[in-house]
């Protein structure tokens, strides 16, 4: 899941961003309305969290632009105004939910997940594919009935792959959907994360490499996929062994 936070108070925006990342939710921040509109044009988000009182186009104007676009992007208004009239006007502008400051991070996370779940673009809350059962709201993964403990990034990558229903996801799309905008487009983080994720899930490998295209979930490997998957893992292990502080037996 990827969220856009539109908030002009840097400390609050950073705290919200970090809190969402701890919950395995990729988050970008925009400090004014102009930047927010640009980011909405460039990136695909699952939820927009808008402060109403920001420089440039206001949060209200951004909400109107989102509604006018027909994207169906869920909107959560985040503001210090707690009067009923303020809330009513926010809902009339197209907000799907409203949270007043100060707030608990846990409540914000629960509301964001609920909005994403109700979004017409979202898939069922629990996904099952190729022996994998993934619950994004409980952050639980099982492989053939066995619980699998994953890091936040491993979980985010697996969620994107499982939600694709066996379709191929490119490394570029994984980087866009499971990382935030600060990710280096030339990094090998995707390959390293996929390799470590395979090991956590165990054999037989269920994340397959489609040569020259990307990754998919499946047990019906096509010719060349198993070989490419094994070669990629061996190459990743060799690279990892050369990192500072690592040895070939680490």
C-alpha atoms as a PDB file:
ATOM      1  CA  UNK A   1       0.000   0.000   0.000  1.00  0.00           C
ATOM      2  CA  UNK A   2       1.226   3.508  -0.820  1.00  0.00           C
ATOM      3  CA  UNK A   3      -0.106   6.678   0.804  1.00  0.00           C
ATOM      4  CA  UNK A   4       0.336  10.378   0.068  1.00  0.00           C
ATOM      5  CA  UNK A   5       0.550  12.634   3.136  1.00  0.00           C
ATOM      6  CA  UNK A   6      -0.160  16.313   2.420  1.00  0.00           C
ATOM      7  CA  UNK A   7       0.961  18.238   5.497  1.00  0.00           C
ATOM      8  CA  UNK A   8       2.888  21.512   5.786  1.00  0.00           C
ATOM      9  CA  UNK A   9       4.273  20.893   9.286  1.00  0.00           C
ATOM     10  CA  UNK A  10       7.546  19.010   8.606  1.00  0.00           C
ATOM     11  CA  UNK A  11       7.741  17.411  12.064  1.00  0.00           C
ATOM     12  CA  UNK A  12       4.198  16.056  11.878  1.00  0.00           C
ATOM     13  CA  UNK A  13       4.573  14.930   8.259  1.00  0.00           C
ATOM     14  CA  UNK A  14       7.781  13.094   9.138  1.00  0.00           C
ATOM     15  CA  UNK A  15       6.236  11.451  12.192  1.00  0.00           C
ATOM     16  CA  UNK A  16       3.235  10.241  10.199  1.00  0.00           C
ATOM     17  CA  UNK A  17       5.458   8.992   7.384  1.00  0.00           C
ATOM     18  CA  UNK A  18       7.684   7.065   9.788  1.00  0.00           C
ATOM     19  CA  UNK A  19       4.698   5.644  11.661  1.00  0.00           C
ATOM     20  CA  UNK A  20       3.145   4.363   8.438  1.00  0.00           C
ATOM     21  CA  UNK A  21       6.415   2.819   7.316  1.00  0.00           C
ATOM     22  CA  UNK A  22       6.618   0.904  10.598  1.00  0.00           C
ATOM     23  CA  UNK A  23       3.210  -0.531   9.665  1.00  0.00           C
ATOM     24  CA  UNK A  24       4.564  -1.636   6.243  1.00  0.00           C
ATOM     25  CA  UNK A  25       2.799   1.224   4.432  1.00  0.00           C
ATOM     26  CA  UNK A  26       4.927   3.157   1.939  1.00  0.00           C
ATOM     27  CA  UNK A  27       4.367   6.881   2.397  1.00  0.00           C
ATOM     28  CA  UNK A  28       5.335  10.036   0.487  1.00  0.00           C
ATOM     29  CA  UNK A  29       4.952  13.567   1.832  1.00  0.00           C
ATOM     30  CA  UNK A  30       4.048  16.868   0.188  1.00  0.00           C
ATOM     31  CA  UNK A  31       4.376  20.172   2.031  1.00  0.00           C
ATOM     32  CA  UNK A  32       2.123  22.276  -0.198  1.00  0.00           C
ATOM     33  CA  UNK A  33      -0.711  21.924  -2.654  1.00  0.00           C
ATOM     34  CA  UNK A  34       1.351  22.363  -5.822  1.00  0.00           C
ATOM     35  CA  UNK A  35       3.713  19.526  -4.909  1.00  0.00           C
ATOM     36  CA  UNK A  36       0.777  17.348  -3.882  1.00  0.00           C
ATOM     37  CA  UNK A  37      -0.965  17.759  -7.246  1.00  0.00           C
ATOM     38  CA  UNK A  38       2.265  16.952  -9.094  1.00  0.00           C
ATOM     39  CA  UNK A  39       2.782  13.792  -7.042  1.00  0.00           C
ATOM     40  CA  UNK A  40      -0.802  12.689  -7.620  1.00  0.00           C
ATOM     41  CA  UNK A  41      -0.216  13.020 -11.377  1.00  0.00           C
ATOM     42  CA  UNK A  42       3.001  10.996 -11.270  1.00  0.00           C
ATOM     43  CA  UNK A  43       2.343   8.257  -8.709  1.00  0.00           C
ATOM     44  CA  UNK A  44      -0.441   5.770  -8.004  1.00  0.00           C
ATOM     45  CA  UNK A  45      -1.635   6.010  -4.401  1.00  0.00           C
ATOM     46  CA  UNK A  46      -4.080   3.908  -2.402  1.00  0.00           C
ATOM     47  CA  UNK A  47      -5.091   6.668   0.045  1.00  0.00           C
ATOM     48  CA  UNK A  48      -4.524  10.439   0.265  1.00  0.00           C
ATOM     49  CA  UNK A  49      -4.215  12.020   3.724  1.00  0.00           C
ATOM     50  CA  UNK A  50      -4.908  15.755   3.368  1.00  0.00           C
ATOM     51  CA  UNK A  51      -4.411  18.632   5.778  1.00  0.00           C
ATOM     52  CA  UNK A  52      -6.984  21.253   4.773  1.00  0.00           C
ATOM     53  CA  UNK A  53      -4.888  24.316   5.678  1.00  0.00           C
ATOM     54  CA  UNK A  54      -1.716  24.155   3.531  1.00  0.00           C
ATOM     55  CA  UNK A  55       0.169  26.606   1.263  1.00  0.00           C
ATOM     56  CA  UNK A  56      -0.781  26.765  -2.385  1.00  0.00           C
ATOM     57  CA  UNK A  57      -3.948  24.954  -3.427  1.00  0.00           C
ATOM     58  CA  UNK A  58      -5.673  24.020  -0.181  1.00  0.00           C
ATOM     59  CA  UNK A  59      -6.497  20.537   0.966  1.00  0.00           C
ATOM     60  CA  UNK A  60     -10.076  21.267  -0.068  1.00  0.00           C
ATOM     61  CA  UNK A  61      -8.939  22.119  -3.607  1.00  0.00           C
ATOM     62  CA  UNK A  62      -6.860  18.945  -3.788  1.00  0.00           C
ATOM     63  CA  UNK A  63      -9.836  16.870  -2.633  1.00  0.00           C
ATOM     64  CA  UNK A  64     -11.963  18.444  -5.359  1.00  0.00           C
ATOM     65  CA  UNK A  65      -9.284  17.685  -7.952  1.00  0.00           C
ATOM     66  CA  UNK A  66      -9.122  14.044  -6.844  1.00  0.00           C
ATOM     67  CA  UNK A  67     -12.891  13.674  -7.059  1.00  0.00           C
ATOM     68  CA  UNK A  68     -12.986  15.401 -10.464  1.00  0.00           C
ATOM     69  CA  UNK A  69     -10.320  13.026 -11.803  1.00  0.00           C
ATOM     70  CA  UNK A  70     -12.622  10.047 -11.273  1.00  0.00           C
ATOM     71  CA  UNK A  71      -9.760   8.002  -9.855  1.00  0.00           C
ATOM     72  CA  UNK A  72     -11.759   6.854  -6.839  1.00  0.00           C
ATOM     73  CA  UNK A  73      -8.764   7.576  -4.606  1.00  0.00           C
ATOM     74  CA  UNK A  74      -9.958   7.502  -0.960  1.00  0.00           C
ATOM     75  CA  UNK A  75      -9.416  10.761   0.936  1.00  0.00           C
ATOM     76  CA  UNK A  76      -8.825  11.189   4.663  1.00  0.00           C
ATOM     77  CA  UNK A  77      -9.004  14.777   5.921  1.00  0.00           C
ATOM     78  CA  UNK A  78      -6.516  15.480   8.708  1.00  0.00           C
ATOM     79  CA  UNK A  79      -7.040  18.834  10.428  1.00  0.00           C
ATOM     80  CA  UNK A  80      -7.232  20.704  13.716  1.00  0.00           C
ATOM     81  CA  UNK A  81     -10.773  21.923  12.931  1.00  0.00           C
ATOM     82  CA  UNK A  82     -13.144  19.726  14.929  1.00  0.00           C
ATOM     83  CA  UNK A  83     -16.475  21.539  14.582  1.00  0.00           C
ATOM     84  CA  UNK A  84     -19.322  19.586  13.019  1.00  0.00           C
ATOM     85  CA  UNK A  85     -19.725  22.223  10.291  1.00  0.00           C
ATOM     86  CA  UNK A  86     -16.044  21.804   9.356  1.00  0.00           C
ATOM     87  CA  UNK A  87     -16.438  18.064   9.135  1.00  0.00           C
ATOM     88  CA  UNK A  88     -19.623  18.383   7.096  1.00  0.00           C
ATOM     89  CA  UNK A  89     -17.950  20.678   4.570  1.00  0.00           C
ATOM     90  CA  UNK A  90     -15.053  18.246   4.264  1.00  0.00           C
ATOM     91  CA  UNK A  91     -17.373  15.352   3.476  1.00  0.00           C
ATOM     92  CA  UNK A  92     -19.258  17.500   0.975  1.00  0.00           C
ATOM     93  CA  UNK A  93     -15.964  18.130  -0.837  1.00  0.00           C
ATOM     94  CA  UNK A  94     -15.469  14.400  -1.274  1.00  0.00           C
ATOM     95  CA  UNK A  95     -13.618  13.260   1.847  1.00  0.00           C
ATOM     96  CA  UNK A  96     -14.219   9.636   2.820  1.00  0.00           C
ATOM     97  CA  UNK A  97     -13.061  10.033   6.419  1.00  0.00           C
ATOM     98  CA  UNK A  98     -12.081  12.781   8.854  1.00  0.00           C
ATOM     99  CA  UNK A  99      -9.551  12.739  11.705  1.00  0.00           C
ATOM    100  CA  UNK A 100      -8.854  15.716  13.949  1.00  0.00           C
ATOM    101  CA  UNK A 101      -5.523  16.672  15.506  1.00  0.00           C
ATOM    102  CA  UNK A 102      -4.109  15.547  17.845  1.00  0.00           C
ATOM    103  CA  UNK A 103      -4.604  11.875  17.019  1.00  0.00           C
ATOM    104  CA  UNK A 104      -3.193   8.452  17.810  1.00  0.00           C
ATOM    105  CA  UNK A 105      -1.003   6.933  15.105  1.00  0.00           C
ATOM    106  CA  UNK A 106      -2.693   3.577  15.543  1.00  0.00           C
ATOM    107  CA  UNK A 107      -6.087   5.112  14.796  1.00  0.00           C
ATOM    108  CA  UNK A 108      -4.736   6.789  11.665  1.00  0.00           C
ATOM    109  CA  UNK A 109      -3.312   3.467  10.458  1.00  0.00           C
ATOM    110  CA  UNK A 110      -6.596   1.660  11.116  1.00  0.00           C
ATOM    111  CA  UNK A 111      -8.548   4.325   9.242  1.00  0.00           C
ATOM    112  CA  UNK A 112      -6.157   4.236   6.271  1.00  0.00           C
ATOM    113  CA  UNK A 113      -6.420   0.458   6.043  1.00  0.00           C
ATOM    114  CA  UNK A 114     -10.195   0.635   6.256  1.00  0.00           C
ATOM    115  CA  UNK A 115     -10.316   3.182   3.433  1.00  0.00           C
ATOM    116  CA  UNK A 116      -8.039   1.066   1.259  1.00  0.00           C
ATOM    117  CA  UNK A 117     -10.203  -1.974   1.951  1.00  0.00           C
ATOM    118  CA  UNK A 118     -13.371  -0.143   0.899  1.00  0.00           C
ATOM    119  CA  UNK A 119     -11.775   1.344  -2.203  1.00  0.00           C
ATOM    120  CA  UNK A 120     -13.247   0.015  -5.468  1.00  0.00           C
ATOM    121  CA  UNK A 121      -9.668  -0.521  -6.617  1.00  0.00           C
ATOM    122  CA  UNK A 122      -8.742  -2.730  -3.668  1.00  0.00           C
ATOM    123  CA  UNK A 123      -8.780  -6.524  -3.620  1.00  0.00           C
ATOM    124  CA  UNK A 124     -10.231  -8.813  -0.921  1.00  0.00           C
ATOM    125  CA  UNK A 125      -8.563  -8.341   2.466  1.00  0.00           C
ATOM    126  CA  UNK A 126      -7.221 -11.905   2.645  1.00  0.00           C
ATOM    127  CA  UNK A 127      -5.369 -13.320  -0.361  1.00  0.00           C
ATOM    128  CA  UNK A 128      -4.655 -16.964  -1.100  1.00  0.00           C
ATOM    129  CA  UNK A 129      -2.449 -18.076  -3.978  1.00  0.00           C
ATOM    130  CA  UNK A 130      -0.153 -21.029  -4.627  1.00  0.00           C
ATOM    131  CA  UNK A 131      -0.273 -22.171  -0.998  1.00  0.00           C
ATOM    132  CA  UNK A 132       0.310 -18.657   0.359  1.00  0.00           C
ATOM    133  CA  UNK A 133      -2.254 -17.024   2.629  1.00  0.00           C
ATOM    134  CA  UNK A 134      -1.641 -13.307   3.160  1.00  0.00           C
ATOM    135  CA  UNK A 135      -3.695 -11.099   5.459  1.00  0.00           C
ATOM    136  CA  UNK A 136      -2.591  -7.461   4.924  1.00  0.00           C
ATOM    137  CA  UNK A 137      -4.560  -6.137   7.890  1.00  0.00           C
ATOM    138  CA  UNK A 138      -3.218  -8.619  10.416  1.00  0.00           C
ATOM    139  CA  UNK A 139       0.176  -8.620   8.641  1.00  0.00           C
ATOM    140  CA  UNK A 140       0.250 -12.407   8.688  1.00  0.00           C
ATOM    141  CA  UNK A 141       1.596 -14.803   6.077  1.00  0.00           C
ATOM    142  CA  UNK A 142       1.230 -18.580   5.955  1.00  0.00           C
ATOM    143  CA  UNK A 143       2.820 -21.009   3.506  1.00  0.00           C
ATOM    144  CA  UNK A 144       0.914 -24.305   3.314  1.00  0.00           C
ATOM    145  CA  UNK A 145      -0.421 -23.657   6.811  1.00  0.00           C
ATOM    146  CA  UNK A 146       2.990 -22.712   8.257  1.00  0.00           C
ATOM    147  CA  UNK A 147       3.381 -19.222   9.701  1.00  0.00           C
ATOM    148  CA  UNK A 148       6.143 -17.219   8.012  1.00  0.00           C
ATOM    149  CA  UNK A 149       7.728 -14.260   9.806  1.00  0.00           C
ATOM    150  CA  UNK A 150       8.632 -11.495   7.353  1.00  0.00           C
ATOM    151  CA  UNK A 151      10.270  -8.092   7.570  1.00  0.00           C
ATOM    152  CA  UNK A 152       8.138  -5.074   6.676  1.00  0.00           C
ATOM    153  CA  UNK A 153       9.704  -4.768   3.219  1.00  0.00           C
ATOM    154  CA  UNK A 154       9.437  -8.484   2.486  1.00  0.00           C
ATOM    155  CA  UNK A 155       5.755  -8.352   3.426  1.00  0.00           C
ATOM    156  CA  UNK A 156       5.150  -5.317   1.197  1.00  0.00           C
ATOM    157  CA  UNK A 157       6.811  -7.012  -1.794  1.00  0.00           C
ATOM    158  CA  UNK A 158       4.914 -10.267  -1.255  1.00  0.00           C
ATOM    159  CA  UNK A 159       1.629  -8.380  -0.985  1.00  0.00           C
ATOM    160  CA  UNK A 160       2.160  -6.736  -4.377  1.00  0.00           C
ATOM    161  CA  UNK A 161       3.025 -10.086  -5.974  1.00  0.00           C
ATOM    162  CA  UNK A 162       0.134 -12.000  -4.401  1.00  0.00           C
ATOM    163  CA  UNK A 163      -2.392  -9.292  -5.271  1.00  0.00           C
ATOM    164  CA  UNK A 164      -1.311  -9.635  -8.914  1.00  0.00           C
ATOM    165  CA  UNK A 165      -2.917 -13.102  -8.881  1.00  0.00           C
ATOM    166  CA  UNK A 166      -0.038 -14.815 -10.655  1.00  0.00           C
ATOM    167  CA  UNK A 167       0.568 -11.982 -13.080  1.00  0.00           C
ATOM    168  CA  UNK A 168       4.068 -10.734 -13.759  1.00  0.00           C
ATOM    169  CA  UNK A 169       5.244  -7.665 -11.834  1.00  0.00           C
ATOM    170  CA  UNK A 170       8.362  -5.860 -13.031  1.00  0.00           C
ATOM    171  CA  UNK A 171      11.155  -4.824 -10.684  1.00  0.00           C
ATOM    172  CA  UNK A 172      10.332  -1.206 -11.526  1.00  0.00           C
ATOM    173  CA  UNK A 173       6.722  -1.636 -10.432  1.00  0.00           C
ATOM    174  CA  UNK A 174       7.778  -3.372  -7.222  1.00  0.00           C
ATOM    175  CA  UNK A 175      10.118  -0.472  -6.485  1.00  0.00           C
ATOM    176  CA  UNK A 176       7.302   2.005  -7.117  1.00  0.00           C
ATOM    177  CA  UNK A 177       4.674   0.233  -5.024  1.00  0.00           C
ATOM    178  CA  UNK A 178       6.681  -1.204  -2.107  1.00  0.00           C
ATOM    179  CA  UNK A 179       9.227   1.578  -1.659  1.00  0.00           C
ATOM    180  CA  UNK A 180       8.715   5.330  -1.473  1.00  0.00           C
ATOM    181  CA  UNK A 181       9.806   8.113  -3.821  1.00  0.00           C
ATOM    182  CA  UNK A 182      13.251   8.340  -2.213  1.00  0.00           C
ATOM    183  CA  UNK A 183      14.216   4.872  -3.438  1.00  0.00           C
ATOM    184  CA  UNK A 184      17.176   4.801  -5.829  1.00  0.00           C
ATOM    185  CA  UNK A 185      15.865   3.583  -9.232  1.00  0.00           C
ATOM    186  CA  UNK A 186      19.230   1.904  -9.858  1.00  0.00           C
ATOM    187  CA  UNK A 187      19.306  -0.005  -6.594  1.00  0.00           C
ATOM    188  CA  UNK A 188      19.382  -3.787  -6.419  1.00  0.00           C
ATOM    189  CA  UNK A 189      17.162  -3.700  -3.329  1.00  0.00           C
ATOM    190  CA  UNK A 190      14.296  -5.388  -5.187  1.00  0.00           C
ATOM    191  CA  UNK A 191      16.412  -8.354  -6.218  1.00  0.00           C
ATOM    192  CA  UNK A 192      17.912  -8.734  -2.746  1.00  0.00           C
ATOM    193  CA  UNK A 193      14.492  -8.493  -1.066  1.00  0.00           C
ATOM    194  CA  UNK A 194      12.935 -11.021  -3.444  1.00  0.00           C
ATOM    195  CA  UNK A 195      15.828 -13.434  -2.873  1.00  0.00           C
ATOM    196  CA  UNK A 196      15.549 -13.187   0.919  1.00  0.00           C
ATOM    197  CA  UNK A 197      11.763 -13.515   0.665  1.00  0.00           C
ATOM    198  CA  UNK A 198      12.109 -16.747  -1.292  1.00  0.00           C
ATOM    199  CA  UNK A 199      14.273 -18.187   1.462  1.00  0.00           C
ATOM    200  CA  UNK A 200      11.768 -17.188   4.148  1.00  0.00           C
ATOM    201  CA  UNK A 201       8.919 -18.853   2.249  1.00  0.00           C
ATOM    202  CA  UNK A 202      10.989 -21.998   1.694  1.00  0.00           C
ATOM    203  CA  UNK A 203      11.218 -24.558  -1.085  1.00  0.00           C
ATOM    204  CA  UNK A 204       9.878 -25.298  -3.563  1.00  0.00           C
ATOM    205  CA  UNK A 205      10.327 -21.699  -4.690  1.00  0.00           C
ATOM    206  CA  UNK A 206       7.003 -19.964  -5.160  1.00  0.00           C
ATOM    207  CA  UNK A 207       8.361 -16.614  -6.401  1.00  0.00           C
ATOM    208  CA  UNK A 208       9.547 -17.164  -9.948  1.00  0.00           C
ATOM    209  CA  UNK A 209      11.705 -14.933 -12.101  1.00  0.00           C
ATOM    210  CA  UNK A 210      10.358 -14.325 -15.593  1.00  0.00           C
ATOM    211  CA  UNK A 211      13.548 -13.685 -17.604  1.00  0.00           C
ATOM    212  CA  UNK A 212      13.797 -10.090 -18.782  1.00  0.00           C
ATOM    213  CA  UNK A 213      10.343  -9.208 -17.457  1.00  0.00           C
ATOM    214  CA  UNK A 214       9.946  -9.477 -13.688  1.00  0.00           C
ATOM    215  CA  UNK A 215       8.525 -11.747 -10.989  1.00  0.00           C
ATOM    216  CA  UNK A 216       5.376 -13.745 -10.394  1.00  0.00           C
ATOM    217  CA  UNK A 217       3.829 -16.090  -7.839  1.00  0.00           C
ATOM    218  CA  UNK A 218       3.307 -19.650  -9.038  1.00  0.00           C
ATOM    219  CA  UNK A 219       4.297 -23.292  -8.891  1.00  0.00           C
ATOM    220  CA  UNK A 220       3.847 -23.951 -12.609  1.00  0.00           C
ATOM    221  CA  UNK A 221       7.235 -22.735 -13.766  1.00  0.00           C
ATOM    222  CA  UNK A 222       7.718 -22.271 -17.486  1.00  0.00           C
ATOM    223  CA  UNK A 223      10.925 -23.366 -19.252  1.00  0.00           C
ATOM    224  CA  UNK A 224      13.783 -21.165 -18.085  1.00  0.00           C
ATOM    225  CA  UNK A 225      12.040 -19.750 -15.018  1.00  0.00           C
ATOM    226  CA  UNK A 226      13.487 -22.214 -12.498  1.00  0.00           C
ATOM    227  CA  UNK A 227      16.973 -21.809 -13.924  1.00  0.00           C
ATOM    228  CA  UNK A 228      16.694 -18.016 -13.905  1.00  0.00           C
ATOM    229  CA  UNK A 229      15.374 -18.020 -10.333  1.00  0.00           C
ATOM    230  CA  UNK A 230      18.241 -20.203  -9.071  1.00  0.00           C
ATOM    231  CA  UNK A 231      20.851 -18.202 -10.982  1.00  0.00           C
ATOM    232  CA  UNK A 232      19.480 -14.939  -9.604  1.00  0.00           C
ATOM    233  CA  UNK A 233      19.601 -16.222  -6.017  1.00  0.00           C
ATOM    234  CA  UNK A 234      23.169 -17.450  -6.482  1.00  0.00           C
ATOM    235  CA  UNK A 235      24.214 -14.087  -7.932  1.00  0.00           C
ATOM    236  CA  UNK A 236      22.508 -12.215  -5.090  1.00  0.00           C
ATOM    237  CA  UNK A 237      24.226 -14.406  -2.502  1.00  0.00           C
ATOM    238  CA  UNK A 238      27.585 -13.775  -4.150  1.00  0.00           C
ATOM    239  CA  UNK A 239      27.014 -10.008  -4.135  1.00  0.00           C
ATOM    240  CA  UNK A 240      25.809 -10.080  -0.537  1.00  0.00           C
ATOM    241  CA  UNK A 241      28.935 -11.929   0.554  1.00  0.00           C
ATOM    242  CA  UNK A 242      31.087  -9.061  -0.735  1.00  0.00           C
ATOM    243  CA  UNK A 243      29.308  -6.382   1.330  1.00  0.00           C
ATOM    244  CA  UNK A 244      31.287  -4.843   4.209  1.00  0.00           C
ATOM    245  CA  UNK A 245      31.022  -6.886   7.386  1.00  0.00           C
ATOM    246  CA  UNK A 246      29.858 -10.004   5.543  1.00  0.00           C
ATOM    247  CA  UNK A 247      31.635 -13.245   4.753  1.00  0.00           C
ATOM    248  CA  UNK A 248      30.735 -16.043   2.424  1.00  0.00           C
ATOM    249  CA  UNK A 249      29.354 -18.023   5.364  1.00  0.00           C
ATOM    250  CA  UNK A 250      27.235 -15.204   6.824  1.00  0.00           C
END
